[in-house]
N, C-alpha and C. Protein backbone atom coordinates (compact mmCIF):
# COMPACT_ATOMS: atom_id res chain seq x y z
N UNK A 1 4.75 -18.72 83.09
CA UNK A 1 3.45 -19.28 83.26
C UNK A 1 2.77 -19.51 81.93
N UNK A 2 1.60 -20.08 82.02
CA UNK A 2 0.82 -20.36 80.82
C UNK A 2 -0.19 -19.25 80.59
N UNK A 3 -0.37 -18.86 79.33
CA UNK A 3 -1.31 -17.82 78.97
C UNK A 3 -2.70 -18.21 79.47
N UNK A 4 -3.35 -17.27 80.14
CA UNK A 4 -4.70 -17.49 80.64
C UNK A 4 -4.77 -18.23 81.96
N UNK A 5 -3.65 -18.69 82.47
CA UNK A 5 -3.63 -19.44 83.73
C UNK A 5 -3.65 -18.46 84.91
N UNK A 6 -4.22 -18.88 86.01
CA UNK A 6 -4.27 -18.06 87.22
C UNK A 6 -3.35 -18.65 88.27
N UNK A 7 -2.57 -17.79 88.92
CA UNK A 7 -1.65 -18.22 89.96
C UNK A 7 -1.90 -17.41 91.23
N UNK A 8 -2.05 -18.10 92.34
CA UNK A 8 -2.17 -17.43 93.64
C UNK A 8 -0.77 -17.14 94.16
N UNK A 9 -0.56 -15.92 94.60
CA UNK A 9 0.74 -15.54 95.15
C UNK A 9 0.57 -15.38 96.65
N UNK A 10 1.33 -16.13 97.40
CA UNK A 10 1.23 -16.09 98.85
C UNK A 10 2.58 -16.30 99.49
N UNK A 11 2.62 -16.08 100.79
CA UNK A 11 3.90 -16.13 101.49
C UNK A 11 4.04 -17.24 102.50
N UNK A 12 3.11 -18.21 102.49
CA UNK A 12 3.17 -19.32 103.44
C UNK A 12 3.23 -18.80 104.87
N UNK A 13 2.39 -17.81 105.16
CA UNK A 13 2.38 -17.18 106.48
C UNK A 13 0.96 -17.08 107.01
N UNK A 14 0.28 -18.17 107.14
CA UNK A 14 -1.09 -18.13 107.63
C UNK A 14 -1.08 -17.69 109.08
N UNK A 15 -1.79 -16.59 109.33
CA UNK A 15 -1.86 -16.04 110.68
C UNK A 15 -3.28 -15.57 110.95
N UNK A 16 -3.66 -15.62 112.21
CA UNK A 16 -4.96 -15.06 112.60
C UNK A 16 -4.88 -13.54 112.45
N UNK A 17 -5.99 -12.94 112.05
CA UNK A 17 -6.01 -11.49 111.85
C UNK A 17 -5.58 -10.73 113.10
N UNK A 18 -6.00 -11.19 114.27
CA UNK A 18 -5.63 -10.48 115.50
C UNK A 18 -4.13 -10.51 115.72
N UNK A 19 -3.46 -11.58 115.28
CA UNK A 19 -2.00 -11.64 115.42
C UNK A 19 -1.33 -10.62 114.51
N UNK A 20 -1.90 -10.40 113.34
CA UNK A 20 -1.36 -9.38 112.44
C UNK A 20 -1.57 -7.99 113.04
N UNK A 21 -2.75 -7.77 113.61
CA UNK A 21 -3.03 -6.49 114.26
C UNK A 21 -2.03 -6.25 115.39
N UNK A 22 -1.78 -7.26 116.20
CA UNK A 22 -0.83 -7.12 117.31
C UNK A 22 0.58 -6.84 116.79
N UNK A 23 0.95 -7.45 115.68
CA UNK A 23 2.27 -7.20 115.09
C UNK A 23 2.38 -5.76 114.62
N UNK A 24 1.35 -5.26 113.93
CA UNK A 24 1.36 -3.87 113.47
C UNK A 24 1.42 -2.91 114.66
N UNK A 25 0.66 -3.18 115.70
CA UNK A 25 0.69 -2.33 116.89
C UNK A 25 2.09 -2.31 117.51
N UNK A 26 2.72 -3.47 117.62
CA UNK A 26 4.06 -3.54 118.20
C UNK A 26 5.07 -2.78 117.35
N UNK A 27 4.95 -2.89 116.03
CA UNK A 27 5.85 -2.14 115.15
C UNK A 27 5.64 -0.64 115.30
N UNK A 28 4.39 -0.21 115.38
CA UNK A 28 4.12 1.21 115.58
C UNK A 28 4.66 1.69 116.92
N UNK A 29 4.53 0.86 117.96
CA UNK A 29 5.09 1.21 119.27
C UNK A 29 6.60 1.43 119.16
N UNK A 30 7.25 0.62 118.35
CA UNK A 30 8.70 0.72 118.17
C UNK A 30 9.10 1.89 117.27
N UNK A 31 8.42 2.01 116.13
CA UNK A 31 8.84 2.97 115.10
C UNK A 31 8.27 4.37 115.27
N UNK A 32 7.09 4.48 115.87
CA UNK A 32 6.44 5.78 116.05
C UNK A 32 5.62 5.74 117.35
N UNK A 33 6.33 5.71 118.49
CA UNK A 33 5.62 5.59 119.77
C UNK A 33 4.61 6.72 119.96
N UNK A 34 3.51 6.39 120.61
CA UNK A 34 2.47 7.37 120.90
C UNK A 34 2.58 7.80 122.35
N UNK A 35 2.45 9.09 122.59
CA UNK A 35 2.47 9.60 123.96
C UNK A 35 1.28 9.09 124.76
N UNK A 36 0.23 8.65 124.07
CA UNK A 36 -0.97 8.15 124.73
C UNK A 36 -0.87 6.70 125.18
N UNK A 37 0.22 6.03 124.82
CA UNK A 37 0.40 4.64 125.23
C UNK A 37 0.45 3.70 124.04
N UNK A 38 0.47 2.40 124.30
CA UNK A 38 0.59 1.41 123.24
C UNK A 38 -0.58 1.50 122.24
N UNK A 39 -0.27 1.24 121.00
CA UNK A 39 -1.30 1.27 119.96
C UNK A 39 -2.35 0.19 120.16
N UNK A 40 -2.00 -0.86 120.87
CA UNK A 40 -2.97 -1.93 121.12
C UNK A 40 -4.19 -1.42 121.89
N UNK A 41 -4.08 -0.26 122.54
CA UNK A 41 -5.22 0.32 123.26
C UNK A 41 -6.35 0.69 122.29
N UNK A 42 -6.03 0.81 121.01
CA UNK A 42 -7.02 1.20 120.01
C UNK A 42 -7.81 0.02 119.44
N UNK A 43 -7.39 -1.19 119.77
CA UNK A 43 -8.07 -2.38 119.24
C UNK A 43 -9.38 -2.58 119.98
N UNK A 44 -10.45 -2.72 119.21
CA UNK A 44 -11.75 -3.01 119.81
C UNK A 44 -12.34 -4.22 119.09
N UNK A 45 -13.15 -4.95 119.81
CA UNK A 45 -13.81 -6.11 119.24
C UNK A 45 -15.27 -5.77 119.02
N UNK A 46 -15.79 -6.15 117.88
CA UNK A 46 -17.15 -5.81 117.51
C UNK A 46 -18.01 -7.05 117.71
N UNK A 47 -19.04 -6.95 118.55
CA UNK A 47 -19.86 -8.11 118.90
C UNK A 47 -20.61 -8.69 117.72
N UNK A 48 -21.07 -7.86 116.79
CA UNK A 48 -21.89 -8.39 115.70
C UNK A 48 -21.07 -9.13 114.64
N UNK A 49 -19.77 -9.23 114.83
CA UNK A 49 -18.94 -9.95 113.85
C UNK A 49 -18.04 -10.98 114.53
N UNK A 50 -18.54 -11.79 115.43
CA UNK A 50 -17.65 -12.75 116.10
C UNK A 50 -17.07 -13.76 115.11
N UNK A 51 -15.75 -13.85 115.11
CA UNK A 51 -15.09 -14.81 114.24
C UNK A 51 -15.02 -14.41 112.78
N UNK A 52 -15.67 -13.30 112.41
CA UNK A 52 -15.68 -12.89 111.01
C UNK A 52 -14.27 -12.47 110.60
N UNK A 53 -13.87 -12.88 109.43
CA UNK A 53 -12.53 -12.54 108.93
C UNK A 53 -11.44 -12.96 109.91
N UNK A 54 -11.60 -14.10 110.51
CA UNK A 54 -10.61 -14.56 111.48
C UNK A 54 -9.24 -14.71 110.85
N UNK A 55 -9.21 -15.23 109.64
CA UNK A 55 -7.93 -15.39 108.95
C UNK A 55 -8.20 -15.58 107.46
N UNK A 56 -7.18 -15.40 106.70
CA UNK A 56 -7.23 -15.68 105.27
C UNK A 56 -6.04 -16.57 104.94
N UNK A 57 -6.20 -17.43 103.95
CA UNK A 57 -5.11 -18.30 103.54
C UNK A 57 -5.10 -18.41 102.02
N UNK A 58 -3.92 -18.49 101.46
CA UNK A 58 -3.77 -18.64 100.01
C UNK A 58 -2.91 -19.87 99.76
N UNK A 59 -3.36 -20.68 98.85
CA UNK A 59 -2.59 -21.86 98.47
C UNK A 59 -1.72 -21.48 97.28
N UNK A 60 -0.44 -21.28 97.54
CA UNK A 60 0.50 -20.84 96.50
C UNK A 60 1.35 -21.99 95.95
N UNK A 61 0.91 -23.22 96.18
CA UNK A 61 1.70 -24.36 95.70
C UNK A 61 1.85 -24.37 94.19
N UNK A 62 0.81 -23.97 93.47
CA UNK A 62 0.85 -24.03 92.01
C UNK A 62 1.92 -23.11 91.43
N UNK A 63 2.03 -21.87 91.90
CA UNK A 63 3.03 -20.95 91.36
C UNK A 63 4.44 -21.42 91.71
N UNK A 64 4.57 -22.02 92.89
CA UNK A 64 5.88 -22.55 93.27
C UNK A 64 6.24 -23.77 92.41
N UNK A 65 5.30 -24.66 92.23
CA UNK A 65 5.53 -25.88 91.46
C UNK A 65 5.78 -25.59 89.99
N UNK A 66 4.94 -24.74 89.38
CA UNK A 66 5.03 -24.52 87.94
C UNK A 66 6.04 -23.45 87.53
N UNK A 67 6.25 -22.46 88.39
CA UNK A 67 7.14 -21.35 88.01
C UNK A 67 8.36 -21.23 88.91
N UNK A 68 8.40 -22.00 89.98
CA UNK A 68 9.54 -21.93 90.89
C UNK A 68 9.56 -20.66 91.72
N UNK A 69 8.40 -19.99 91.81
CA UNK A 69 8.33 -18.73 92.55
C UNK A 69 8.24 -18.97 94.04
N UNK A 70 9.03 -18.23 94.79
CA UNK A 70 8.99 -18.23 96.26
C UNK A 70 9.07 -16.77 96.71
N UNK A 71 8.43 -16.43 97.81
CA UNK A 71 8.50 -15.04 98.28
C UNK A 71 9.92 -14.66 98.69
N UNK A 72 10.28 -13.42 98.38
CA UNK A 72 11.60 -12.91 98.75
C UNK A 72 11.62 -12.39 100.18
N UNK A 73 10.45 -12.10 100.74
CA UNK A 73 10.33 -11.56 102.09
C UNK A 73 9.64 -12.58 102.99
N UNK A 74 9.98 -12.54 104.25
CA UNK A 74 9.19 -13.26 105.25
C UNK A 74 8.06 -12.33 105.67
N UNK A 75 7.10 -12.85 106.40
CA UNK A 75 6.04 -11.98 106.91
C UNK A 75 6.66 -10.87 107.75
N UNK A 76 7.59 -11.22 108.61
CA UNK A 76 8.17 -10.26 109.54
C UNK A 76 8.92 -9.14 108.81
N UNK A 77 9.73 -9.48 107.80
CA UNK A 77 10.46 -8.42 107.10
C UNK A 77 9.51 -7.60 106.22
N UNK A 78 8.54 -8.27 105.62
CA UNK A 78 7.61 -7.56 104.74
C UNK A 78 6.68 -6.63 105.48
N UNK A 79 6.16 -7.05 106.63
CA UNK A 79 5.23 -6.19 107.38
C UNK A 79 5.98 -4.99 107.94
N UNK A 80 7.22 -5.20 108.38
CA UNK A 80 8.03 -4.08 108.87
C UNK A 80 8.25 -3.06 107.76
N UNK A 81 8.62 -3.51 106.56
CA UNK A 81 8.83 -2.59 105.44
C UNK A 81 7.55 -1.88 105.05
N UNK A 82 6.43 -2.59 105.13
CA UNK A 82 5.14 -1.98 104.77
C UNK A 82 4.76 -0.89 105.76
N UNK A 83 4.85 -1.19 107.06
CA UNK A 83 4.53 -0.19 108.08
C UNK A 83 5.46 1.02 107.94
N UNK A 84 6.74 0.76 107.74
CA UNK A 84 7.70 1.86 107.59
C UNK A 84 7.36 2.71 106.37
N UNK A 85 6.94 2.09 105.26
CA UNK A 85 6.58 2.84 104.06
C UNK A 85 5.42 3.79 104.36
N UNK A 86 4.39 3.30 105.02
CA UNK A 86 3.25 4.16 105.36
C UNK A 86 3.68 5.30 106.27
N UNK A 87 4.55 5.04 107.23
CA UNK A 87 5.04 6.10 108.12
C UNK A 87 5.87 7.12 107.36
N UNK A 88 6.60 6.68 106.34
CA UNK A 88 7.45 7.57 105.56
C UNK A 88 6.68 8.36 104.50
N UNK A 89 5.41 8.02 104.25
CA UNK A 89 4.62 8.66 103.20
C UNK A 89 3.28 9.17 103.72
N UNK A 90 3.32 10.08 104.71
CA UNK A 90 2.06 10.56 105.29
C UNK A 90 1.20 11.33 104.28
N UNK A 91 1.81 11.95 103.29
CA UNK A 91 1.03 12.67 102.29
C UNK A 91 0.18 11.70 101.46
N UNK A 92 0.71 10.54 101.15
CA UNK A 92 -0.03 9.53 100.41
C UNK A 92 -1.19 9.02 101.25
N UNK A 93 -0.91 8.74 102.53
CA UNK A 93 -1.95 8.26 103.44
C UNK A 93 -3.06 9.30 103.56
N UNK A 94 -2.71 10.57 103.68
CA UNK A 94 -3.71 11.64 103.81
C UNK A 94 -4.60 11.70 102.57
N UNK A 95 -4.02 11.52 101.39
CA UNK A 95 -4.84 11.54 100.16
C UNK A 95 -5.81 10.37 100.11
N UNK A 96 -5.38 9.23 100.60
CA UNK A 96 -6.28 8.08 100.64
C UNK A 96 -7.40 8.34 101.65
N UNK A 97 -7.03 8.82 102.82
CA UNK A 97 -8.03 9.06 103.86
C UNK A 97 -9.04 10.13 103.45
N UNK A 98 -8.59 11.11 102.68
CA UNK A 98 -9.49 12.19 102.26
C UNK A 98 -10.38 11.79 101.09
N UNK A 99 -10.00 10.73 100.40
CA UNK A 99 -10.74 10.32 99.21
C UNK A 99 -10.19 10.95 97.94
N UNK A 100 -9.14 11.77 98.04
CA UNK A 100 -8.57 12.45 96.88
C UNK A 100 -8.05 11.49 95.83
N UNK A 101 -7.71 10.28 96.23
CA UNK A 101 -7.22 9.31 95.25
C UNK A 101 -8.27 9.03 94.18
N UNK A 102 -9.54 9.24 94.50
CA UNK A 102 -10.59 9.00 93.52
C UNK A 102 -10.43 9.91 92.30
N UNK A 103 -9.94 11.13 92.52
CA UNK A 103 -9.69 12.04 91.40
C UNK A 103 -8.62 11.48 90.49
N UNK A 104 -7.56 10.91 91.06
CA UNK A 104 -6.49 10.33 90.26
C UNK A 104 -7.03 9.16 89.45
N UNK A 105 -7.82 8.30 90.08
CA UNK A 105 -8.39 7.14 89.38
C UNK A 105 -9.27 7.62 88.23
N UNK A 106 -10.06 8.64 88.49
CA UNK A 106 -10.95 9.18 87.46
C UNK A 106 -10.15 9.74 86.28
N UNK A 107 -9.06 10.46 86.59
CA UNK A 107 -8.21 11.03 85.54
C UNK A 107 -7.53 9.93 84.72
N UNK A 108 -7.05 8.89 85.41
CA UNK A 108 -6.31 7.84 84.76
C UNK A 108 -7.20 6.88 83.97
N UNK A 109 -8.37 6.61 84.53
CA UNK A 109 -9.21 5.55 83.96
C UNK A 109 -10.57 6.02 83.50
N UNK A 110 -10.87 7.30 83.71
CA UNK A 110 -12.16 7.81 83.29
C UNK A 110 -13.32 7.19 84.02
N UNK A 111 -13.04 6.71 85.20
CA UNK A 111 -14.10 6.03 86.00
C UNK A 111 -14.89 7.00 86.83
């Protein structure tokens, strides 16, 4: 790339947010079933945000055109690996949920 240039990195996988949520729920049902039933039971819709954050899209044509970059993963393979990583690292998830990661950031960056 060119010094100082900005490149958007994307996977050409524009999806509605609810479709991503449904995919994550289905993966959790497969990889870590809940005795309480499908994970989709946890999805709730908030009235004060209708349509908010419906989807996000990134135009990655520039990085492909100028650098020949293409994603190595599809959405399906990447989301599966991501969900599996979180399931395999519960200690990391617990530190994020507890806020303990802030101590690490403070130590590393003095923030």
